[in-house]
Protein backbone atom coordinates (compact mmCIF):
# COMPACT_ATOMS: atom_id res chain seq x y z
CA VAL A 1 0.00 0.00 0.00
CA CYS A 2 1.89 3.05 -1.30
CA GLY A 3 5.25 1.40 -0.57
CA THR A 4 4.40 -0.38 2.71
CA ASP A 5 3.25 -3.96 3.30
CA PRO A 6 -0.39 -4.05 4.51
CA ALA A 7 0.39 -5.65 7.87
CA ASN A 8 -2.99 -4.57 9.24
CA LYS A 9 -4.88 -6.42 6.47
CA PRO A 10 -3.68 -10.03 6.81
CA ILE A 11 -5.10 -12.78 4.61
CA PRO A 12 -8.07 -14.56 6.30
CA PRO A 13 -7.08 -18.08 7.43
CA CYS A 14 -9.29 -21.09 8.20
CA HIS A 15 -10.47 -19.95 11.60
CA THR A 16 -11.68 -16.63 10.17
CA HIS A 17 -13.83 -18.40 7.60
CA TRP A 18 -15.08 -20.78 10.27
CA GLU A 19 -16.28 -17.86 12.36
CA VAL A 20 -18.28 -16.71 9.35
CA MET A 21 -19.52 -20.23 8.57
CA GLU A 22 -20.78 -20.62 12.14
CA LEU A 23 -23.29 -17.79 11.64
CA ASP A 24 -26.85 -19.06 11.37
CA SER A 25 -28.17 -15.74 10.05
CA LEU A 26 -28.12 -15.03 6.31
CA PRO A 27 -28.05 -11.23 6.89
CA LYS A 28 -25.01 -11.52 9.15
CA PHE A 29 -23.32 -13.91 6.74
CA MET A 30 -23.93 -11.53 3.81
CA LEU A 31 -22.18 -8.73 5.69
CA GLU A 32 -19.33 -10.58 7.36
CA ILE A 33 -18.24 -12.58 4.31
CA ALA A 34 -17.88 -9.31 2.40
CA GLY A 35 -15.56 -7.62 4.89
CA TYR A 36 -14.09 -9.87 7.54
CA GLY A 37 -14.22 -12.94 5.31
CA HIS A 38 -12.30 -11.70 2.29
CA GLY A 39 -11.84 -7.92 2.08
CA PRO A 40 -8.13 -8.01 3.07
CA MET A 41 -7.45 -10.28 0.09
CA HIS A 42 -8.24 -7.45 -2.31
CA VAL A 43 -5.81 -5.14 -0.54
CA ASN A 44 -3.06 -7.77 -0.57
CA THR A 45 -3.49 -8.82 -4.19
CA GLY A 46 -4.53 -5.56 -5.84
CA GLY A 47 -2.42 -3.15 -3.87
CA VAL A 48 -2.38 0.65 -3.94
CA TYR A 49 0.52 2.34 -5.73
CA GLY A 50 1.53 5.28 -7.87
CA ALA A 51 2.37 8.83 -6.84
CA CYS A 52 0.97 8.19 -3.34
CA THR A 53 4.21 6.35 -2.48
CA GLY A 54 6.37 9.45 -2.87
CA ALA A 55 3.68 11.77 -1.50
CA LEU A 56 3.42 9.81 1.76
CA ALA A 57 7.20 9.60 2.06
CA LYS A 58 7.26 13.40 1.89
CA VAL A 59 4.70 13.65 4.71
CA TYR A 60 6.87 11.39 6.89
CA GLU A 61 9.92 13.52 6.09
CA ASP A 62 8.26 16.93 6.54
CA TRP A 63 6.65 15.99 9.85
CA LYS A 64 9.36 13.73 11.25
CA GLN A 65 9.59 15.57 14.58
CA VAL A 66 5.86 15.12 15.24
CA LEU A 67 5.87 11.50 14.10
CA ASP A 68 8.87 10.63 16.27
CA THR A 69 6.93 11.72 19.37
CA LYS A 70 6.14 8.82 21.70
CA TYR A 71 3.19 8.39 24.05
CA THR A 72 2.11 5.84 26.59
CA MET A 73 -1.53 4.81 26.53
CA LYS A 74 -2.14 6.86 29.68
CA GLU A 75 -0.42 9.90 28.19
CA MET A 76 -2.54 9.66 25.06
CA ARG A 77 -5.65 9.37 27.20
CA ASP A 78 -4.68 12.53 29.07
CA ALA A 79 -3.85 14.43 25.86
CA VAL A 80 -7.18 13.57 24.27
CA TYR A 81 -9.09 14.44 27.42
CA ALA A 82 -7.33 17.81 27.73
CA ALA A 83 -8.12 18.70 24.10
CA THR A 84 -11.65 17.28 23.74
CA GLY A 85 -13.02 16.29 27.13
CA GLU A 86 -13.36 12.69 25.90
CA ASP A 87 -11.99 9.90 28.10
CA LEU A 88 -10.56 7.00 26.09
CA GLY A 89 -10.11 4.97 29.26
CA TYR A 90 -6.52 3.87 28.66
CA THR A 91 -4.65 2.89 31.83
CA THR A 92 -1.33 1.27 30.86
CA ASP A 93 2.21 2.44 30.15
CA PHE A 94 2.39 0.65 26.79
CA GLU A 95 4.41 3.00 24.54
CA PHE A 96 4.06 3.76 20.83
CA SER A 97 5.16 6.47 18.40
CA MET A 98 2.93 8.70 16.29
CA GLU A 99 4.68 7.28 13.23
CA GLU A 100 3.24 3.88 14.13
CA VAL A 101 -0.21 5.42 14.44
CA MET A 102 0.19 7.28 11.15
CA GLU A 103 1.27 4.14 9.33
CA LYS A 104 -1.40 1.82 10.70
CA TYR A 105 -4.45 4.07 10.76
CA ILE A 106 -3.80 6.45 7.86
CA HIS A 107 -1.14 5.12 5.47
CA LEU A 108 -2.30 1.49 5.42
CA GLU A 109 -5.95 2.54 5.20
CA TYR A 110 -5.32 4.27 1.85
CA PHE A 111 -7.49 1.67 0.11
CA HIS A 112 -10.48 2.60 2.24
CA ILE A 113 -9.81 6.32 2.52
CA TYR A 114 -9.63 6.74 -1.24
CA ARG A 115 -12.95 4.93 -1.54
CA MET A 116 -14.46 7.27 1.01
CA LEU A 117 -13.44 10.31 -1.05
CA TRP A 118 -15.74 9.03 -3.80
CA ARG A 119 -18.53 8.04 -1.42
CA SER A 120 -18.10 11.20 0.58
CA GLN A 121 -21.78 11.54 1.49
CA VAL A 122 -21.12 9.52 4.65
CA CYS A 123 -18.05 11.41 5.87
CA ALA A 124 -17.73 14.92 4.37
CA LEU A 125 -19.09 17.69 6.58
CA ASP A 126 -21.28 19.00 3.75
CA GLY A 127 -22.83 15.55 3.17
CA GLU A 128 -22.21 15.75 -0.57
CA ALA A 129 -21.36 12.63 -2.59
CA GLU A 130 -18.54 12.20 -5.12
CA ALA A 131 -16.10 14.72 -3.70
CA LEU A 132 -13.43 12.91 -5.71
CA GLU A 133 -13.65 13.99 -9.36
CA CYS A 134 -12.03 12.00 -12.16
CA PRO A 135 -11.56 12.67 -15.90
CA ASP A 136 -14.28 11.30 -18.18
CA TYR A 137 -11.69 9.56 -20.32
CA CYS A 138 -7.96 8.79 -20.32
CA GLY A 139 -6.35 7.13 -23.31
CA PRO A 140 -3.00 5.34 -23.55
CA ASP A 141 -1.34 8.53 -24.79
CA THR A 142 -2.89 10.89 -22.24
CA PRO A 143 -0.24 12.35 -19.90
CA GLN A 144 -0.52 11.05 -16.33
CA ALA A 145 -0.89 14.62 -15.05
CA GLU A 146 -4.19 14.82 -16.94
CA CYS A 147 -5.49 11.50 -15.60
CA ASN A 148 -5.47 12.28 -11.89
CA CYS A 149 -8.53 12.16 -9.70
CA VAL A 150 -8.68 15.08 -7.28
CA CYS A 151 -11.14 16.39 -4.71
CA LYS A 152 -13.34 19.35 -5.54
CA GLY A 153 -11.42 22.61 -5.15
CA ILE A 154 -8.08 21.18 -6.33
CA ASP A 155 -6.88 21.91 -9.87
CA PRO A 156 -6.39 18.49 -11.56
CA VAL A 157 -3.38 19.68 -13.62
CA THR A 158 -1.52 22.17 -11.44
CA LEU A 159 -2.77 20.61 -8.16
CA ASP A 160 -3.32 24.09 -6.78
CA SER A 161 -5.32 23.67 -3.56
CA SER A 162 -5.96 27.29 -2.62
CA ASP A 163 -9.72 26.78 -3.11
CA PHE A 164 -9.79 23.37 -1.40
CA ASP A 165 -11.87 23.03 1.79
CA TRP A 166 -9.69 20.44 3.52
CA GLU A 167 -11.63 20.56 6.80
CA ASN A 168 -14.76 19.46 4.94
CA MET A 169 -12.96 16.28 3.87
CA GLU A 170 -10.94 15.58 7.02
CA PRO A 171 -13.53 13.23 8.62
CA CYS A 172 -13.06 10.93 5.60
CA MET A 173 -9.50 10.23 6.75
CA TYR A 174 -10.39 8.41 9.96
CA SER A 175 -11.50 4.81 10.33
CA SER A 176 -12.91 5.42 13.80
CA THR A 177 -13.87 8.15 16.21
CA THR A 178 -10.86 7.14 18.34
CA THR A 179 -8.43 7.81 15.49
CA GLU A 180 -10.11 11.15 14.84
CA LEU A 181 -9.87 12.17 18.50
CA VAL A 182 -6.17 11.24 18.64
CA PHE A 183 -5.21 13.15 15.50
CA LYS A 184 -7.19 16.25 16.36
CA SER A 185 -5.70 16.25 19.86
CA VAL A 186 -1.98 15.77 19.23
CA VAL A 187 -1.34 16.39 15.50
CA PRO A 188 -0.77 20.02 14.40
CA THR A 189 -3.43 21.57 12.19
CA GLU A 190 -1.00 22.17 9.32
CA MET A 191 0.05 18.51 9.32
CA ARG A 192 -3.57 17.36 9.21
CA LYS A 193 -4.15 19.76 6.32
CA ASP A 194 -1.14 18.33 4.47
CA ILE A 195 -2.42 14.76 4.95
CA VAL A 196 -5.93 15.54 3.70
CA THR A 197 -4.62 17.53 0.72
CA MET A 198 -2.18 14.76 -0.17
CA PHE A 199 -4.93 12.11 -0.19
CA CYS A 200 -7.12 14.36 -2.33
CA SER A 201 -4.47 15.15 -4.95
CA ALA A 202 -1.79 12.45 -5.19
CA GLY A 203 -2.01 10.22 -8.25
CA VAL A 204 -2.93 6.71 -7.18
CA LYS A 205 -3.65 3.36 -8.80
CA GLU A 206 -5.99 1.12 -6.85
CA GLY A 207 -4.94 -2.22 -8.36
CA GLU A 208 -8.32 -2.72 -10.10
CA GLN A 209 -9.72 -4.26 -6.91
CA LEU A 210 -11.77 -1.32 -5.67
CA GLU A 211 -14.49 -0.94 -8.25
CA SER A 212 -16.95 -2.92 -10.36
CA ALA A 213 -14.22 -3.56 -12.93
CA SER A 214 -12.43 -5.88 -10.52
CA PRO A 215 -13.74 -9.11 -12.17
CA GLY A 216 -11.62 -8.08 -15.17
CA ASP A 217 -8.53 -8.78 -13.08
CA PRO A 218 -7.52 -12.50 -13.11
CA LEU A 219 -6.60 -12.18 -9.44
CA PHE A 220 -10.28 -11.60 -8.68
CA TRP A 221 -10.98 -15.21 -9.63
CA MET A 222 -8.49 -16.47 -7.08
CA ILE A 223 -10.64 -14.89 -4.35
CA HIS A 224 -14.37 -14.95 -5.02
CA PRO A 225 -14.89 -18.64 -5.92
CA ILE A 226 -13.61 -19.43 -2.43
CA LEU A 227 -16.46 -17.39 -0.97
CA ASP A 228 -19.05 -18.82 -3.34
CA ARG A 229 -17.98 -22.32 -2.33
CA LEU A 230 -18.42 -21.43 1.35
CA PHE A 231 -21.86 -19.96 0.64
CA THR A 232 -22.91 -23.01 -1.39
CA ALA A 233 -21.89 -25.28 1.48
CA LYS A 234 -24.01 -23.21 3.88
CA ARG A 235 -27.07 -23.62 1.64
CA LEU A 236 -26.46 -27.34 1.21
CA ALA A 237 -26.20 -27.70 4.99
CA LYS A 238 -29.88 -26.86 5.37
CA ALA A 239 -30.95 -29.40 2.76
CA GLN A 240 -28.86 -32.09 4.42
CA THR A 241 -30.24 -31.24 7.85
CA ASN A 242 -33.82 -31.44 6.55
CA GLN A 243 -33.09 -34.77 4.86
CA GLY A 244 -31.39 -36.21 7.93
CA THR A 245 -28.19 -36.94 6.00
CA ASN A 246 -24.64 -36.41 7.24
CA ALA A 247 -23.84 -32.74 7.56
CA LEU A 248 -21.01 -31.16 5.62
CA GLU A 249 -18.00 -30.52 7.83
CA TYR A 250 -15.58 -27.63 7.72
CA GLY A 251 -12.30 -29.48 8.12
CA GLY A 252 -11.66 -30.36 11.74
CA TYR A 253 -13.94 -27.62 13.04
CA GLY A 254 -17.10 -29.70 12.80
CA PRO A 255 -20.49 -29.71 10.99
CA ILE A 256 -21.48 -26.59 9.08
CA PRO A 257 -24.67 -25.20 10.65
CA PRO A 258 -27.53 -24.21 8.30
CA PHE A 259 -29.12 -20.78 8.12
CA GLU A 260 -31.96 -20.35 10.60
CA ASP A 261 -32.69 -16.76 9.63
CA GLU A 262 -33.01 -16.32 5.85
CA ASN A 263 -34.29 -12.78 5.69
CA TRP A 264 -32.69 -10.49 3.13
CA LEU A 265 -30.38 -7.68 4.18
CA ASP A 266 -30.86 -4.57 2.06
CA TYR A 267 -27.90 -2.61 3.34
CA SER A 268 -25.07 -0.39 2.21
CA PHE A 269 -22.79 1.48 4.56
CA TYR A 270 -22.93 4.35 2.09
CA THR A 271 -26.70 4.80 2.33
CA ASN A 272 -27.98 7.60 4.54
CA ASP A 273 -31.02 9.84 4.83
CA ASP A 274 -30.13 11.78 1.69
CA PHE A 275 -28.37 9.18 -0.44
CA TYR A 276 -29.42 5.63 -1.35
CA CYS A 277 -27.03 3.09 -2.91
CA ASN A 278 -29.02 0.96 -5.32
CA GLY A 279 -28.34 -2.68 -6.07
CA HIS A 280 -28.45 -4.27 -2.62
CA GLY A 281 -32.21 -4.84 -2.28
CA MET A 282 -33.83 -8.18 -3.01
CA ALA A 283 -35.96 -6.57 -5.72
CA ASP A 284 -33.02 -4.74 -7.34
CA ALA A 285 -31.76 -6.10 -10.66
CA ALA A 286 -28.92 -8.62 -10.46
CA LEU A 287 -26.08 -7.62 -12.80
CA PRO A 288 -28.36 -5.32 -14.84
CA HIS A 289 -25.70 -4.41 -17.41
CA LEU A 290 -24.26 -7.89 -17.97
CA PRO A 291 -25.77 -10.85 -19.86
CA LEU A 292 -26.97 -13.81 -17.82
CA PRO A 293 -27.36 -17.37 -19.17
CA PRO A 294 -30.84 -17.75 -20.76
CA LYS A 295 -31.40 -21.00 -18.90
CA LEU A 296 -30.75 -19.27 -15.60
CA ILE A 297 -33.24 -16.52 -16.44
CA GLU A 298 -35.82 -19.08 -17.59
CA TRP A 299 -35.53 -20.96 -14.32
CA GLY A 300 -35.34 -18.03 -11.95
CA ASP A 301 -37.59 -15.37 -13.52
CA ALA A 302 -40.55 -15.84 -11.17
CA ASN A 303 -42.48 -12.75 -12.29
CA GLN A 304 -41.61 -13.30 -15.98
CA ASP A 305 -40.32 -9.79 -16.59
CA GLY A 306 -37.31 -11.02 -18.56
CA ALA A 307 -34.73 -10.11 -15.91
CA LEU A 308 -33.55 -11.44 -12.58
CA SER A 309 -33.78 -9.58 -9.30
CA ASN A 310 -31.30 -10.36 -6.55
CA LEU A 311 -33.91 -12.53 -4.87
CA GLU A 312 -34.71 -14.41 -8.08
CA PHE A 313 -30.98 -14.89 -8.72
CA PHE A 314 -30.59 -16.18 -5.16
CA ASP A 315 -33.35 -18.73 -5.74
CA ALA A 316 -32.07 -19.72 -9.17
CA MET A 317 -28.60 -20.43 -7.78
CA ASP A 318 -29.97 -22.73 -5.08
CA PRO A 319 -27.55 -25.68 -5.09
CA THR A 320 -30.37 -28.06 -4.16
CA SER A 321 -32.33 -27.28 -7.34
CA GLU A 322 -32.10 -29.62 -10.31
CA ALA A 323 -32.43 -27.07 -13.09
CA GLY A 324 -31.23 -23.63 -12.07
CA ASN A 325 -27.61 -24.07 -11.05
CA LEU A 326 -25.28 -24.35 -14.00
CA TYR A 327 -22.20 -25.68 -12.24
CA ILE A 328 -21.12 -27.75 -9.23
CA TYR A 329 -18.04 -27.91 -7.05
CA ASP A 330 -15.80 -30.93 -7.12
CA ASN A 331 -15.88 -31.26 -3.35
CA PHE A 332 -16.54 -29.50 -0.08
CA ASP A 333 -13.45 -30.66 1.74
CA TRP A 334 -11.39 -28.38 3.95
CA ASN A 335 -8.99 -31.01 5.23
CA HIS A 336 -6.23 -28.44 5.65
CA CYS A 337 -8.25 -26.59 8.31
CA ASP A 338 -7.32 -27.73 11.79
CA PRO A 339 -8.51 -26.00 15.00
CA ALA A 340 -5.13 -26.81 16.54
CA ASP A 341 -3.66 -24.12 14.31
CA ALA A 342 -6.19 -21.50 15.42
CA LEU A 343 -3.93 -19.63 17.86
CA LYS A 344 -1.17 -19.29 15.29
CA GLU A 345 -3.73 -18.23 12.68
CA ALA A 346 -5.33 -15.74 15.06
CA SER A 347 -2.09 -13.84 15.47
CA PHE A 348 -1.74 -13.76 11.71
CA ALA A 349 -5.30 -12.74 10.90
CA THR A 350 -5.98 -9.96 13.35
CA GLY A 351 -2.71 -8.17 13.90
CA TYR A 352 -2.58 -9.70 17.39
CA ASP A 353 0.64 -8.93 19.22
CA GLY A 354 1.34 -11.92 21.47
CA ASP A 355 3.99 -10.23 23.60
CA ASN A 356 1.90 -7.19 24.33
CA GLN A 357 -1.21 -9.26 25.02
CA ALA A 358 0.83 -11.41 27.39
CA ARG A 359 1.65 -8.24 29.31
CA GLU A 360 -2.07 -7.35 29.22
CA ALA A 361 -1.15 -4.10 27.53
CA GLU A 362 -3.87 -2.15 25.81
CA ILE A 363 -3.38 -2.07 22.06
CA PHE A 364 -4.33 1.05 20.17
CA SER A 365 -5.85 -1.07 17.45
CA MET A 366 -8.89 -1.42 15.24
CA SER A 367 -7.79 -4.43 13.21
CA GLY A 368 -6.96 -6.42 16.32
CA GLY A 369 -10.55 -7.31 17.09
CA VAL A 370 -12.04 -3.93 18.02
CA THR A 371 -15.10 -3.16 15.92
CA PRO A 372 -14.57 0.11 14.04
CA THR A 373 -17.22 2.74 14.67
CA HIS A 374 -16.81 5.13 11.76
CA TRP A 375 -16.53 4.03 8.14
CA GLU A 376 -15.08 0.55 8.18
CA GLY A 377 -18.22 -1.02 9.65
CA ASP A 378 -17.57 -4.71 9.05
CA SER A 379 -19.76 -5.81 11.96
CA TYR A 380 -23.45 -6.63 11.61
CA ASP A 381 -24.05 -5.00 14.98
CA SER A 382 -22.63 -1.70 13.71
CA ILE A 383 -25.41 -1.20 11.14
CA ARG A 384 -27.39 1.97 11.70
CA THR A 385 -31.15 1.90 11.18
CA ASP A 386 -30.96 4.66 8.56
CA GLN A 387 -28.82 2.40 6.36
CA THR A 388 -31.47 -0.26 5.81
CA ARG A 389 -34.87 -0.15 4.20
CA PRO A 390 -38.06 -1.45 5.85
CA GLY A 391 -39.82 -4.57 4.59
CA ASN A 392 -36.65 -6.50 3.81
CA GLY A 393 -38.06 -9.89 4.77
CA MET A 394 -37.74 -12.51 2.05
CA SER A 395 -41.25 -13.66 2.96
CA LEU A 396 -42.75 -10.42 1.71
CA GLY A 397 -40.68 -10.61 -1.44
CA HIS A 398 -41.85 -14.13 -2.18
CA TYR A 399 -45.46 -13.21 -1.57
CA ARG A 400 -45.29 -10.30 -3.98
CA ALA A 401 -43.51 -12.37 -6.63
CA VAL A 402 -46.17 -15.06 -6.42
CA LYS A 403 -48.94 -12.47 -6.52
CA GLN A 404 -47.49 -10.93 -9.70
CA GLU A 405 -47.07 -14.33 -11.32
CA ILE A 406 -50.61 -15.49 -10.55
CA SER A 407 -52.08 -12.31 -11.96
CA ARG A 408 -49.96 -12.56 -15.10
CA GLN A 409 -50.70 -16.20 -15.77
CA ALA A 410 -54.38 -15.92 -14.96
CA ALA A 411 -54.70 -13.06 -17.42
CA ALA A 412 -52.88 -15.06 -20.09
CA LYS A 413 -54.80 -18.24 -19.20
CA GLN A 414 -51.62 -20.26 -19.04
CA GLN A 415 -52.76 -23.47 -17.40
CA GLY A 416 -50.27 -25.16 -15.12
CA GLY A 417 -47.63 -22.46 -15.13
CA ALA A 418 -48.91 -20.91 -11.92
CA VAL A 419 -48.78 -24.31 -10.23
CA PHE A 420 -45.04 -24.71 -10.86
CA VAL A 421 -43.89 -21.15 -10.21
CA ALA A 422 -46.10 -20.43 -7.22
CA GLY A 423 -45.31 -23.83 -5.75
CA LYS A 424 -41.57 -23.17 -6.06
CA GLU A 425 -41.90 -19.76 -4.49
CA PHE A 426 -43.88 -21.06 -1.53
CA LYS A 427 -41.44 -23.87 -0.91
CA ALA A 428 -38.81 -21.18 -0.60
CA LEU A 429 -41.17 -19.16 1.55
CA GLU A 430 -41.71 -22.11 3.84
CA SER A 431 -38.00 -22.10 4.70
CA THR A 432 -37.89 -18.45 5.75
CA ASN A 433 -38.15 -17.14 9.27
CA GLU A 434 -40.48 -14.13 9.54
CA PRO A 435 -42.10 -14.38 13.01
CA ARG A 436 -44.05 -11.16 12.68
CA ALA A 437 -46.08 -12.50 9.80
CA ARG A 438 -46.27 -16.19 10.66
CA ALA A 439 -49.88 -16.24 11.86
CA GLN A 440 -51.22 -14.44 8.79
CA GLN A 441 -48.90 -16.40 6.53
CA ASP A 442 -50.20 -19.79 7.69
CA GLU A 443 -53.71 -19.16 6.36
CA ALA A 444 -52.43 -18.30 2.88
CA ASP A 445 -49.94 -21.19 2.93
CA GLN A 446 -52.61 -23.73 3.78
CA LEU A 447 -54.90 -22.43 1.07
CA TYR A 448 -52.17 -22.60 -1.57
CA PHE A 449 -50.69 -25.94 -0.65
CA LEU A 450 -54.07 -27.62 -0.39
CA GLU A 451 -55.22 -26.42 -3.77
CA PHE A 452 -51.83 -26.91 -5.44
CA SER A 453 -51.48 -30.48 -4.19
CA GLN A 454 -54.87 -31.26 -5.74
CA ALA A 455 -53.91 -29.40 -8.90
CA GLU A 456 -50.82 -31.50 -9.47
CA GLU A 457 -53.06 -34.45 -10.38
CA SER A 458 -54.65 -32.54 -13.22
CA LEU A 459 -53.60 -29.41 -15.07
CA SER A 460 -57.16 -28.51 -15.76
CA ALA A 461 -58.05 -28.91 -12.11
CA ALA A 462 -55.03 -26.77 -11.24
CA ALA A 463 -56.18 -23.95 -13.51
CA THR A 464 -59.62 -24.01 -11.91
CA ALA A 465 -58.18 -24.06 -8.42
CA VAL A 466 -55.90 -21.11 -9.17
CA ARG A 467 -58.77 -19.06 -10.58
CA LYS A 468 -60.85 -19.74 -7.47
CA ALA A 469 -57.94 -19.01 -5.15
CA GLU A 470 -56.76 -15.88 -6.90
CA GLY A 471 -59.32 -13.50 -5.47
CA ARG A 472 -59.05 -14.85 -1.93
CA VAL A 473 -55.26 -14.91 -1.93
CA ALA A 474 -55.01 -11.47 -3.48
CA ASP A 475 -57.16 -10.10 -0.66
CA ALA A 476 -55.09 -11.94 1.94
CA LEU A 477 -51.86 -10.66 0.46
CA GLU A 478 -53.15 -7.07 0.40
CA ARG A 479 -54.09 -7.33 4.07
CA GLN A 480 -50.72 -8.84 4.94
CA GLU A 481 -48.80 -6.16 3.03
CA GLU A 482 -50.79 -3.43 4.76
CA THR A 483 -50.02 -5.00 8.13
CA TRP A 484 -46.30 -5.25 7.33
CA GLU A 485 -46.15 -1.67 6.12
CA SER A 486 -47.92 -0.39 9.21
CA GLU A 487 -45.50 -2.32 11.42
């Protein structure tokens, strides 16, 4: 990362993936596998390089006297309290230099900080998005000086920053409120200005692992199939549990538990009251600008609109289905994963310092197991309510998909189609866990399953049953939706 090994972003070992695999909640799994489960791999393989290497070296040189300053944990606590009135609660004499703090919490977070400059709506004081501005086009012959991304107020060619509001962007530099308190308490204002201006103007290459173009990098395919294989094993675990067969095991760690909570998480850290990041919701289009295999669309397109939503894609990729999934894995063996290696792996994966922990010293650390509180929210428990949308239960999504499909097929008088699609949707619905709606759901379930089981014996009988059920179910669904919305 700009000339320094990313020691605070170690590669996730077996025990890290096991901690994710132990989760019995799909929403938690969706969040943790994205950050804790594999995020450091992108930093390690893609890297961050370019002009930032020399620019950071200059910061270290210009502010050497400040960065050479050493503090104990108690002294830092006292300095922060004197400047801000906030008590960090540190009590030990464990000593560190400001250069160590600068390297770990600013320099090695370049990957994240640069991302925050683009998604500045969650950190800039003015709440505006896309503070980082980039050229519309750069060709092979375009000079590098004309291909730089810079923050608003900085001239992209001359890098003049006289009109740059650095204080507006400063909050985007800090991965936690603790880091922000420390820097604002003991780092001179001019040095903080230099750091912010440098991040907003230095030419940088993000290793093609930061954006949606990352699948174009062959290294991407060394990372993501590992996660997909883990996710497939989690979904197979439920089928095996229901069938009473032997559960899949994650190496020597034991059986892989199935999901008990299968509600959908519509969440982006970059969503707030004034800015919504599309693409995460269960009804949002899956890969809207890329072609999907026709067979996959045919199998998964429950509402027959010619495209797949995230929820439809999720159902179509169910590894227990016989028609939707277009590939299989050779095995689900993790024989190299041994719990006996967990302690050694833990020190590697979290930045754990065995000597300091043995002395029970407090570590000024975010990557060492402390959940960040600002912009690196990798923890499910750190989600704010304003970052999710109401009505995210998969149950509601399935109900609406079935309702659309019944109306469409009834209008087109397509006998039998509603039996297959609606039956598939309600089998998926049966596996969800939506306690708030269970009582109202049971009545509709019983009606459908009774009439569909009879309909399977005769397509004509099925068409009649669907026509009779349509009005009653539509009314029941309307009442249920109204109840959900009011709740």
